[in-house]
Amino acid sequence: MLAGVAGCAVLGFFPLILGDRVPLLGLVDLGFHELGHLLTYPFPDLFTAIMGSGTQLLVPLGLAAYFLWLRKDRVAAGLCTAWAGTSAYDVSVYVADAPYEKLQLLGEGAEHDWAFVFDRLNAMETADEVALVLRALAWGLVLGGMALCAWRLVAPERRPHTERLPGVTVKPISWDA
């Protein structure tokens, strides 16, 4: 539990405090970003442009949901949630750059996804506000990941009623009678 909280704190430290990508994990995010474009290539260009960043956020959130609901592993879910927070921060940097297009992109002549999106929507002036919302989301996801990891510290595991009442046993209801 405490190691999970510390792991979330370390993940969040890079983007939220240093304003930088998490080493190695930033490259994983980039891979999922590009995969999002590849998987949505048959769809309209606007959707394809958005889904690069969308996939970059949805993969760690999907993994967090898997670990939380299917595996009942709050620590793994918390770490994936914090990862989603670091990815949200990364997307916020990309969004904030849309009016300026100064970030180094992959490939010669690569088009800036968010400049394309905001230009197509005639909403370039909203880039700073969208980036601010994404940064707030990043903080919320990292802190939420820490909370998931620390859950057992503040909410101890509940025991069945039969264990709380010594000498009292509850027989399960049988519908086969």
N, C-alpha and C. Protein backbone atom coordinates (compact mmCIF):
# COMPACT_ATOMS: atom_id res chain seq x y z
N MET A 1 0.81 -1.19 0.00
CA MET A 1 0.00 0.00 0.00
C MET A 1 0.86 1.26 0.00
N LEU A 2 1.76 1.34 0.96
CA LEU A 2 2.61 2.53 1.03
C LEU A 2 3.53 2.64 -0.18
N ALA A 3 3.98 1.48 -0.67
CA ALA A 3 4.82 1.50 -1.86
C ALA A 3 4.03 2.01 -3.06
N GLY A 4 2.76 1.66 -3.14
CA GLY A 4 1.90 2.16 -4.21
C GLY A 4 1.71 3.66 -4.13
N VAL A 5 1.48 4.17 -2.92
CA VAL A 5 1.35 5.61 -2.73
C VAL A 5 2.64 6.31 -3.15
N ALA A 6 3.78 5.74 -2.74
CA ALA A 6 5.07 6.32 -3.11
C ALA A 6 5.27 6.27 -4.62
N GLY A 7 4.87 5.15 -5.24
CA GLY A 7 4.99 5.03 -6.69
C GLY A 7 4.17 6.09 -7.40
N CYS A 8 2.94 6.33 -6.94
CA CYS A 8 2.10 7.38 -7.53
C CYS A 8 2.74 8.75 -7.35
N ALA A 9 3.31 8.98 -6.17
CA ALA A 9 3.96 10.26 -5.91
C ALA A 9 5.15 10.47 -6.85
N VAL A 10 5.92 9.42 -7.07
CA VAL A 10 7.06 9.53 -7.98
C VAL A 10 6.58 9.79 -9.41
N LEU A 11 5.53 9.06 -9.82
CA LEU A 11 4.98 9.29 -11.16
C LEU A 11 4.52 10.74 -11.31
N GLY A 12 3.81 11.24 -10.32
CA GLY A 12 3.30 12.60 -10.38
C GLY A 12 4.36 13.67 -10.27
N PHE A 13 5.47 13.35 -9.60
CA PHE A 13 6.53 14.32 -9.39
C PHE A 13 7.09 14.87 -10.70
N PHE A 14 7.29 13.99 -11.67
CA PHE A 14 7.90 14.44 -12.92
C PHE A 14 7.05 15.47 -13.64
N PRO A 15 5.78 15.18 -13.95
CA PRO A 15 5.01 16.19 -14.68
C PRO A 15 4.51 17.33 -13.79
N LEU A 16 4.00 17.01 -12.60
CA LEU A 16 3.32 18.02 -11.80
C LEU A 16 4.27 18.96 -11.08
N ILE A 17 5.43 18.50 -10.74
CA ILE A 17 6.41 19.34 -10.03
C ILE A 17 7.51 19.82 -10.98
N LEU A 18 8.09 18.89 -11.74
CA LEU A 18 9.19 19.26 -12.65
C LEU A 18 8.69 19.76 -14.01
N GLY A 19 7.43 19.46 -14.34
CA GLY A 19 6.90 19.85 -15.65
C GLY A 19 7.52 19.08 -16.79
N ASP A 20 7.86 17.81 -16.54
CA ASP A 20 8.55 16.98 -17.53
C ASP A 20 7.84 15.64 -17.66
N ARG A 21 8.15 14.93 -18.72
CA ARG A 21 7.61 13.58 -18.90
C ARG A 21 8.28 12.61 -17.93
N VAL A 22 7.54 11.57 -17.59
CA VAL A 22 8.10 10.50 -16.78
C VAL A 22 9.06 9.72 -17.67
N PRO A 23 10.32 9.55 -17.24
CA PRO A 23 11.26 8.80 -18.08
C PRO A 23 10.70 7.43 -18.45
N LEU A 24 10.90 7.05 -19.66
CA LEU A 24 10.45 5.80 -20.26
C LEU A 24 8.93 5.73 -20.42
N LEU A 25 8.17 6.08 -19.40
CA LEU A 25 6.71 6.04 -19.50
C LEU A 25 6.21 7.05 -20.54
N GLY A 26 6.93 8.15 -20.70
CA GLY A 26 6.57 9.12 -21.73
C GLY A 26 6.64 8.51 -23.12
N LEU A 27 7.59 7.62 -23.34
CA LEU A 27 7.70 6.94 -24.63
C LEU A 27 6.58 5.92 -24.82
N VAL A 28 6.18 5.28 -23.73
CA VAL A 28 5.05 4.35 -23.79
C VAL A 28 3.79 5.13 -24.17
N ASP A 29 3.60 6.30 -23.55
CA ASP A 29 2.47 7.16 -23.88
C ASP A 29 2.48 7.55 -25.36
N LEU A 30 3.65 7.88 -25.85
CA LEU A 30 3.78 8.25 -27.26
C LEU A 30 3.38 7.08 -28.17
N GLY A 31 3.77 5.88 -27.78
CA GLY A 31 3.38 4.70 -28.55
C GLY A 31 1.87 4.51 -28.59
N PHE A 32 1.21 4.69 -27.44
CA PHE A 32 -0.24 4.56 -27.41
C PHE A 32 -0.91 5.71 -28.17
N HIS A 33 -0.31 6.88 -28.12
CA HIS A 33 -0.82 8.03 -28.87
C HIS A 33 -0.85 7.70 -30.36
N GLU A 34 0.26 7.23 -30.86
CA GLU A 34 0.34 6.89 -32.29
C GLU A 34 -0.56 5.71 -32.64
N LEU A 35 -0.69 4.75 -31.72
CA LEU A 35 -1.60 3.63 -31.94
C LEU A 35 -3.04 4.13 -32.08
N GLY A 36 -3.40 5.14 -31.29
CA GLY A 36 -4.74 5.71 -31.39
C GLY A 36 -5.02 6.28 -32.77
N HIS A 37 -4.02 6.94 -33.36
CA HIS A 37 -4.18 7.44 -34.73
C HIS A 37 -4.34 6.28 -35.70
N LEU A 38 -3.52 5.28 -35.54
CA LEU A 38 -3.54 4.14 -36.45
C LEU A 38 -4.89 3.40 -36.41
N LEU A 39 -5.40 3.18 -35.20
CA LEU A 39 -6.65 2.43 -35.06
C LEU A 39 -7.86 3.21 -35.56
N THR A 40 -7.78 4.53 -35.55
CA THR A 40 -8.93 5.33 -35.96
C THR A 40 -8.74 5.96 -37.34
N TYR A 41 -7.75 5.54 -38.05
CA TYR A 41 -7.46 6.08 -39.38
C TYR A 41 -8.65 6.03 -40.33
N PRO A 42 -9.47 4.98 -40.31
CA PRO A 42 -10.61 4.94 -41.25
C PRO A 42 -11.71 5.97 -40.95
N PHE A 43 -11.69 6.55 -39.78
CA PHE A 43 -12.73 7.49 -39.37
C PHE A 43 -12.39 8.91 -39.82
N PRO A 44 -13.30 9.86 -39.63
CA PRO A 44 -13.01 11.24 -40.04
C PRO A 44 -11.73 11.78 -39.39
N ASP A 45 -11.07 12.68 -40.12
CA ASP A 45 -9.77 13.23 -39.68
C ASP A 45 -9.83 13.87 -38.30
N LEU A 46 -10.90 14.56 -37.99
CA LEU A 46 -11.02 15.22 -36.68
C LEU A 46 -11.00 14.18 -35.56
N PHE A 47 -11.74 13.10 -35.74
CA PHE A 47 -11.78 12.02 -34.75
C PHE A 47 -10.40 11.37 -34.61
N THR A 48 -9.76 11.13 -35.74
CA THR A 48 -8.43 10.51 -35.72
C THR A 48 -7.42 11.39 -34.98
N ALA A 49 -7.49 12.70 -35.21
CA ALA A 49 -6.58 13.62 -34.53
C ALA A 49 -6.79 13.61 -33.02
N ILE A 50 -8.06 13.60 -32.59
CA ILE A 50 -8.37 13.60 -31.16
C ILE A 50 -7.99 12.28 -30.51
N MET A 51 -8.16 11.17 -31.22
CA MET A 51 -7.96 9.86 -30.61
C MET A 51 -6.50 9.50 -30.37
N GLY A 52 -5.56 10.25 -30.91
CA GLY A 52 -4.18 10.03 -30.51
C GLY A 52 -4.06 10.29 -29.01
N SER A 53 -4.47 11.48 -28.60
CA SER A 53 -4.44 11.83 -27.18
C SER A 53 -5.47 11.02 -26.40
N GLY A 54 -6.62 10.76 -27.03
CA GLY A 54 -7.65 9.98 -26.35
C GLY A 54 -7.18 8.60 -25.97
N THR A 55 -6.51 7.93 -26.88
CA THR A 55 -6.00 6.58 -26.60
C THR A 55 -4.91 6.64 -25.53
N GLN A 56 -4.10 7.67 -25.60
CA GLN A 56 -3.04 7.86 -24.61
C GLN A 56 -3.63 7.95 -23.20
N LEU A 57 -4.83 8.50 -23.07
CA LEU A 57 -5.49 8.59 -21.76
C LEU A 57 -6.33 7.35 -21.45
N LEU A 58 -6.97 6.80 -22.46
CA LEU A 58 -7.89 5.68 -22.23
C LEU A 58 -7.18 4.37 -21.88
N VAL A 59 -5.99 4.16 -22.39
CA VAL A 59 -5.29 2.90 -22.08
C VAL A 59 -5.00 2.77 -20.58
N PRO A 60 -4.34 3.76 -19.94
CA PRO A 60 -4.12 3.59 -18.50
C PRO A 60 -5.41 3.61 -17.69
N LEU A 61 -6.42 4.36 -18.12
CA LEU A 61 -7.70 4.35 -17.41
C LEU A 61 -8.40 3.00 -17.56
N GLY A 62 -8.31 2.41 -18.74
CA GLY A 62 -8.88 1.08 -18.95
C GLY A 62 -8.18 0.04 -18.10
N LEU A 63 -6.87 0.13 -18.02
CA LEU A 63 -6.13 -0.80 -17.16
C LEU A 63 -6.48 -0.58 -15.70
N ALA A 64 -6.65 0.66 -15.29
CA ALA A 64 -7.05 0.94 -13.91
C ALA A 64 -8.40 0.31 -13.61
N ALA A 65 -9.35 0.45 -14.54
CA ALA A 65 -10.67 -0.15 -14.35
C ALA A 65 -10.57 -1.68 -14.27
N TYR A 66 -9.76 -2.26 -15.13
CA TYR A 66 -9.55 -3.71 -15.11
C TYR A 66 -9.03 -4.16 -13.75
N PHE A 67 -7.98 -3.51 -13.26
CA PHE A 67 -7.39 -3.92 -11.99
C PHE A 67 -8.34 -3.67 -10.82
N LEU A 68 -9.12 -2.61 -10.88
CA LEU A 68 -10.01 -2.30 -9.77
C LEU A 68 -11.21 -3.23 -9.72
N TRP A 69 -11.90 -3.41 -10.84
CA TRP A 69 -13.16 -4.15 -10.81
C TRP A 69 -13.00 -5.64 -11.09
N LEU A 70 -12.09 -6.02 -11.93
CA LEU A 70 -11.97 -7.44 -12.24
C LEU A 70 -10.94 -8.15 -11.35
N ARG A 71 -9.87 -7.47 -11.04
CA ARG A 71 -8.82 -8.10 -10.22
C ARG A 71 -8.88 -7.71 -8.75
N LYS A 72 -9.67 -6.69 -8.44
CA LYS A 72 -9.79 -6.19 -7.05
C LYS A 72 -8.43 -5.80 -6.47
N ASP A 73 -7.57 -5.25 -7.31
CA ASP A 73 -6.22 -4.85 -6.92
C ASP A 73 -6.15 -3.33 -6.92
N ARG A 74 -6.38 -2.75 -5.76
CA ARG A 74 -6.42 -1.29 -5.65
C ARG A 74 -5.07 -0.64 -5.90
N VAL A 75 -4.00 -1.30 -5.54
CA VAL A 75 -2.68 -0.72 -5.75
C VAL A 75 -2.37 -0.63 -7.24
N ALA A 76 -2.59 -1.70 -7.97
CA ALA A 76 -2.36 -1.67 -9.42
C ALA A 76 -3.28 -0.65 -10.08
N ALA A 77 -4.54 -0.60 -9.64
CA ALA A 77 -5.49 0.39 -10.18
C ALA A 77 -5.02 1.80 -9.87
N GLY A 78 -4.51 2.00 -8.67
CA GLY A 78 -4.01 3.32 -8.28
C GLY A 78 -2.81 3.76 -9.11
N LEU A 79 -1.90 2.84 -9.34
CA LEU A 79 -0.72 3.16 -10.15
C LEU A 79 -1.12 3.48 -11.59
N CYS A 80 -2.07 2.73 -12.14
CA CYS A 80 -2.53 3.02 -13.50
C CYS A 80 -3.29 4.34 -13.56
N THR A 81 -4.02 4.67 -12.51
CA THR A 81 -4.72 5.95 -12.45
C THR A 81 -3.71 7.10 -12.40
N ALA A 82 -2.67 6.94 -11.61
CA ALA A 82 -1.62 7.97 -11.57
C ALA A 82 -0.93 8.07 -12.93
N TRP A 83 -0.72 6.94 -13.59
CA TRP A 83 -0.15 6.96 -14.94
C TRP A 83 -1.05 7.77 -15.86
N ALA A 84 -2.37 7.57 -15.77
CA ALA A 84 -3.30 8.36 -16.58
C ALA A 84 -3.14 9.84 -16.27
N GLY A 85 -2.87 10.17 -15.02
CA GLY A 85 -2.64 11.56 -14.65
C GLY A 85 -1.40 12.14 -15.32
N THR A 86 -0.34 11.35 -15.37
CA THR A 86 0.88 11.84 -16.03
C THR A 86 0.63 12.01 -17.52
N SER A 87 -0.18 11.14 -18.08
CA SER A 87 -0.51 11.22 -19.49
C SER A 87 -1.40 12.43 -19.76
N ALA A 88 -2.34 12.72 -18.85
CA ALA A 88 -3.19 13.91 -19.00
C ALA A 88 -2.35 15.17 -18.99
N TYR A 89 -1.33 15.20 -18.14
CA TYR A 89 -0.44 16.36 -18.13
C TYR A 89 0.29 16.49 -19.48
N ASP A 90 0.76 15.38 -19.99
CA ASP A 90 1.46 15.37 -21.27
C ASP A 90 0.54 15.90 -22.39
N VAL A 91 -0.71 15.46 -22.37
CA VAL A 91 -1.66 15.95 -23.37
C VAL A 91 -1.90 17.45 -23.18
N SER A 92 -1.92 17.91 -21.93
CA SER A 92 -2.15 19.35 -21.68
C SER A 92 -1.03 20.20 -22.29
N VAL A 93 0.18 19.70 -22.26
CA VAL A 93 1.30 20.42 -22.88
C VAL A 93 1.09 20.50 -24.39
N TYR A 94 0.66 19.40 -24.97
CA TYR A 94 0.40 19.34 -26.41
C TYR A 94 -0.73 20.29 -26.80
N VAL A 95 -1.79 20.30 -26.01
CA VAL A 95 -2.94 21.18 -26.27
C VAL A 95 -2.52 22.64 -26.16
N ALA A 96 -1.77 22.98 -25.11
CA ALA A 96 -1.34 24.36 -24.90
C ALA A 96 -0.44 24.85 -26.03
N ASP A 97 0.25 23.95 -26.69
CA ASP A 97 1.15 24.31 -27.78
C ASP A 97 0.42 24.55 -29.10
N ALA A 98 -0.84 24.19 -29.18
CA ALA A 98 -1.57 24.27 -30.45
C ALA A 98 -1.48 25.64 -31.13
N PRO A 99 -1.65 26.75 -30.43
CA PRO A 99 -1.58 28.05 -31.12
C PRO A 99 -0.18 28.40 -31.63
N TYR A 100 0.84 27.77 -31.06
CA TYR A 100 2.24 28.14 -31.37
C TYR A 100 2.95 27.11 -32.23
N GLU A 101 2.58 25.84 -32.07
CA GLU A 101 3.18 24.72 -32.80
C GLU A 101 4.70 24.71 -32.71
N LYS A 102 5.22 24.80 -31.50
CA LYS A 102 6.66 24.81 -31.29
C LYS A 102 7.22 23.46 -30.82
N LEU A 103 6.35 22.55 -30.42
CA LEU A 103 6.83 21.24 -29.97
C LEU A 103 7.44 20.45 -31.12
N GLN A 104 8.46 19.69 -30.80
CA GLN A 104 9.08 18.80 -31.77
C GLN A 104 8.15 17.60 -31.96
N LEU A 105 7.69 17.38 -33.19
CA LEU A 105 6.79 16.27 -33.49
C LEU A 105 7.53 15.16 -34.21
N LEU A 106 6.90 13.99 -34.27
CA LEU A 106 7.50 12.86 -34.97
C LEU A 106 7.39 13.07 -36.48
N GLY A 107 8.47 12.81 -37.16
CA GLY A 107 8.45 12.83 -38.63
C GLY A 107 8.55 14.22 -39.23
N GLU A 108 9.08 14.26 -40.41
CA GLU A 108 9.23 15.51 -41.15
C GLU A 108 7.86 15.99 -41.62
N GLY A 109 7.52 17.22 -41.35
CA GLY A 109 6.26 17.79 -41.80
C GLY A 109 5.04 17.24 -41.08
N ALA A 110 5.21 16.68 -39.89
CA ALA A 110 4.08 16.13 -39.15
C ALA A 110 3.12 17.26 -38.76
N GLU A 111 1.83 16.96 -38.81
CA GLU A 111 0.82 17.95 -38.46
C GLU A 111 0.53 17.89 -36.97
N HIS A 112 0.38 19.03 -36.36
CA HIS A 112 0.06 19.16 -34.93
C HIS A 112 -1.42 18.80 -34.73
N ASP A 113 -1.69 17.71 -34.02
CA ASP A 113 -3.06 17.23 -33.86
C ASP A 113 -3.99 18.31 -33.30
N TRP A 114 -3.56 18.94 -32.22
CA TRP A 114 -4.46 19.89 -31.55
C TRP A 114 -4.58 21.20 -32.30
N ALA A 115 -3.56 21.60 -33.03
CA ALA A 115 -3.71 22.78 -33.89
C ALA A 115 -4.76 22.48 -34.95
N PHE A 116 -4.72 21.28 -35.50
CA PHE A 116 -5.70 20.85 -36.49
C PHE A 116 -7.11 20.83 -35.89
N VAL A 117 -7.24 20.26 -34.69
CA VAL A 117 -8.55 20.14 -34.04
C VAL A 117 -9.13 21.53 -33.75
N PHE A 118 -8.35 22.36 -33.09
CA PHE A 118 -8.85 23.69 -32.74
C PHE A 118 -9.12 24.54 -33.97
N ASP A 119 -8.29 24.40 -34.99
CA ASP A 119 -8.51 25.14 -36.23
C ASP A 119 -9.80 24.67 -36.90
N ARG A 120 -9.99 23.36 -36.97
CA ARG A 120 -11.19 22.80 -37.60
C ARG A 120 -12.46 23.22 -36.85
N LEU A 121 -12.35 23.31 -35.51
CA LEU A 121 -13.50 23.70 -34.69
C LEU A 121 -13.62 25.22 -34.53
N ASN A 122 -12.68 25.94 -35.15
CA ASN A 122 -12.63 27.40 -35.02
C ASN A 122 -12.63 27.81 -33.54
N ALA A 123 -11.76 27.16 -32.77
CA ALA A 123 -11.73 27.35 -31.33
C ALA A 123 -10.31 27.47 -30.78
N MET A 124 -9.39 27.99 -31.58
CA MET A 124 -7.99 28.07 -31.14
C MET A 124 -7.84 28.85 -29.84
N GLU A 125 -8.70 29.83 -29.62
CA GLU A 125 -8.59 30.66 -28.42
C GLU A 125 -8.91 29.88 -27.14
N THR A 126 -9.45 28.68 -27.26
CA THR A 126 -9.78 27.88 -26.08
C THR A 126 -8.66 26.92 -25.68
N ALA A 127 -7.56 26.92 -26.40
CA ALA A 127 -6.48 25.96 -26.12
C ALA A 127 -5.97 26.08 -24.69
N ASP A 128 -5.77 27.30 -24.21
CA ASP A 128 -5.26 27.47 -22.85
C ASP A 128 -6.23 26.94 -21.80
N GLU A 129 -7.52 27.17 -22.00
CA GLU A 129 -8.51 26.69 -21.04
C GLU A 129 -8.60 25.16 -21.05
N VAL A 130 -8.55 24.58 -22.24
CA VAL A 130 -8.58 23.12 -22.33
C VAL A 130 -7.33 22.53 -21.65
N ALA A 131 -6.19 23.15 -21.89
CA ALA A 131 -4.95 22.68 -21.25
C ALA A 131 -5.04 22.79 -19.73
N LEU A 132 -5.64 23.86 -19.24
CA LEU A 132 -5.80 24.05 -17.80
C LEU A 132 -6.70 22.96 -17.20
N VAL A 133 -7.77 22.62 -17.89
CA VAL A 133 -8.66 21.55 -17.43
C VAL A 133 -7.91 20.22 -17.40
N LEU A 134 -7.11 19.97 -18.43
CA LEU A 134 -6.33 18.73 -18.47
C LEU A 134 -5.29 18.68 -17.35
N ARG A 135 -4.72 19.82 -16.99
CA ARG A 135 -3.75 19.84 -15.87
C ARG A 135 -4.45 19.57 -14.55
N ALA A 136 -5.65 20.14 -14.39
CA ALA A 136 -6.43 19.85 -13.18
C ALA A 136 -6.79 18.37 -13.13
N LEU A 137 -7.17 17.81 -14.29
CA LEU A 137 -7.45 16.38 -14.37
C LEU A 137 -6.21 15.57 -14.00
N ALA A 138 -5.05 16.01 -14.45
CA ALA A 138 -3.80 15.31 -14.13
C ALA A 138 -3.59 15.25 -12.62
N TRP A 139 -3.76 16.39 -11.96
CA TRP A 139 -3.63 16.42 -10.49
C TRP A 139 -4.64 15.48 -9.84
N GLY A 140 -5.89 15.55 -10.30
CA GLY A 140 -6.93 14.71 -9.72
C GLY A 140 -6.66 13.22 -9.90
N LEU A 141 -6.15 12.85 -11.07
CA LEU A 141 -5.86 11.44 -11.32
C LEU A 141 -4.68 10.94 -10.48
N VAL A 142 -3.65 11.75 -10.36
CA VAL A 142 -2.49 11.34 -9.54
C VAL A 142 -2.91 11.22 -8.08
N LEU A 143 -3.64 12.22 -7.57
CA LEU A 143 -4.10 12.15 -6.18
C LEU A 143 -5.10 11.02 -5.98
N GLY A 144 -5.96 10.79 -6.99
CA GLY A 144 -6.89 9.67 -6.92
C GLY A 144 -6.17 8.33 -6.92
N GLY A 145 -5.10 8.24 -7.69
CA GLY A 145 -4.30 7.02 -7.67
C GLY A 145 -3.68 6.77 -6.31
N MET A 146 -3.20 7.85 -5.69
CA MET A 146 -2.64 7.72 -4.35
C MET A 146 -3.72 7.26 -3.36
N ALA A 147 -4.91 7.82 -3.50
CA ALA A 147 -6.01 7.44 -2.61
C ALA A 147 -6.39 5.96 -2.79
N LEU A 148 -6.42 5.50 -4.03
CA LEU A 148 -6.72 4.08 -4.26
C LEU A 148 -5.69 3.19 -3.59
N CYS A 149 -4.42 3.58 -3.71
CA CYS A 149 -3.36 2.78 -3.09
C CYS A 149 -3.45 2.79 -1.57
N ALA A 150 -3.88 3.91 -1.01
CA ALA A 150 -3.94 4.05 0.45
C ALA A 150 -5.27 3.60 1.03
N TRP A 151 -6.18 3.12 0.21
CA TRP A 151 -7.54 2.80 0.65
C TRP A 151 -7.58 1.91 1.88
N ARG A 152 -6.80 0.87 1.91
CA ARG A 152 -6.82 -0.07 3.04
C ARG A 152 -6.33 0.58 4.34
N LEU A 153 -5.55 1.63 4.22
CA LEU A 153 -5.07 2.31 5.42
C LEU A 153 -6.19 3.09 6.10
N VAL A 154 -7.11 3.62 5.31
CA VAL A 154 -8.18 4.44 5.87
C VAL A 154 -9.52 3.70 5.95
N ALA A 155 -9.68 2.65 5.19
CA ALA A 155 -10.92 1.87 5.21
C ALA A 155 -10.57 0.40 5.34
N PRO A 156 -10.43 -0.08 6.57
CA PRO A 156 -10.05 -1.47 6.75
C PRO A 156 -11.05 -2.43 6.12
N GLU A 157 -10.56 -3.60 5.81
CA GLU A 157 -11.38 -4.61 5.16
C GLU A 157 -12.54 -5.00 6.08
N ARG A 158 -13.72 -5.06 5.51
CA ARG A 158 -14.89 -5.46 6.28
C ARG A 158 -14.96 -6.98 6.37
N ARG A 159 -15.35 -7.44 7.53
CA ARG A 159 -15.51 -8.88 7.72
C ARG A 159 -16.99 -9.21 7.67
N PRO A 160 -17.31 -10.43 7.30
CA PRO A 160 -18.73 -10.83 7.30
C PRO A 160 -19.33 -10.71 8.69
N HIS A 161 -20.65 -10.57 8.77
CA HIS A 161 -21.33 -10.43 10.05
C HIS A 161 -21.08 -11.59 10.98
N THR A 162 -20.93 -12.78 10.44
CA THR A 162 -20.74 -13.95 11.29
C THR A 162 -19.45 -13.86 12.09
N GLU A 163 -18.44 -13.17 11.56
CA GLU A 163 -17.19 -13.05 12.29
C GLU A 163 -17.28 -11.97 13.36
N ARG A 164 -18.18 -11.03 13.18
CA ARG A 164 -18.31 -9.95 14.16
C ARG A 164 -19.16 -10.38 15.37
N LEU A 165 -19.95 -11.41 15.21
CA LEU A 165 -20.80 -11.87 16.30
C LEU A 165 -20.39 -13.29 16.69
N PRO A 166 -19.49 -13.41 17.66
CA PRO A 166 -19.02 -14.74 18.04
C PRO A 166 -20.18 -15.62 18.51
N GLY A 167 -20.17 -16.84 18.07
CA GLY A 167 -21.17 -17.81 18.47
C GLY A 167 -22.43 -17.77 17.62
N VAL A 168 -22.55 -16.81 16.74
CA VAL A 168 -23.73 -16.71 15.90
C VAL A 168 -23.33 -17.08 14.48
N THR A 169 -24.02 -18.03 13.92
CA THR A 169 -23.76 -18.40 12.53
C THR A 169 -25.00 -18.15 11.72
N VAL A 170 -24.79 -17.77 10.52
CA VAL A 170 -25.89 -17.50 9.61
C VAL A 170 -25.82 -18.53 8.51
N LYS A 171 -26.92 -19.26 8.33
CA LYS A 171 -26.96 -20.27 7.29
C LYS A 171 -27.43 -19.61 5.99
N PRO A 172 -26.78 -19.95 4.89
CA PRO A 172 -27.22 -19.39 3.62
C PRO A 172 -28.60 -19.91 3.24
N ILE A 173 -29.35 -19.10 2.57
CA ILE A 173 -30.68 -19.48 2.13
C ILE A 173 -30.52 -20.41 0.93
N SER A 174 -31.24 -21.53 0.96
CA SER A 174 -31.19 -22.46 -0.16
C SER A 174 -32.51 -22.36 -0.92
N TRP A 175 -32.42 -22.14 -2.19
CA TRP A 175 -33.60 -22.01 -3.02
C TRP A 175 -34.01 -23.35 -3.63
N ASP A 176 -33.26 -24.39 -3.31
CA ASP A 176 -33.53 -25.71 -3.89
C ASP A 176 -34.53 -26.53 -3.06
N ALA A 177 -35.03 -26.04 -1.99
CA ALA A 177 -35.86 -26.82 -1.06
C ALA A 177 -37.15 -27.26 -1.61
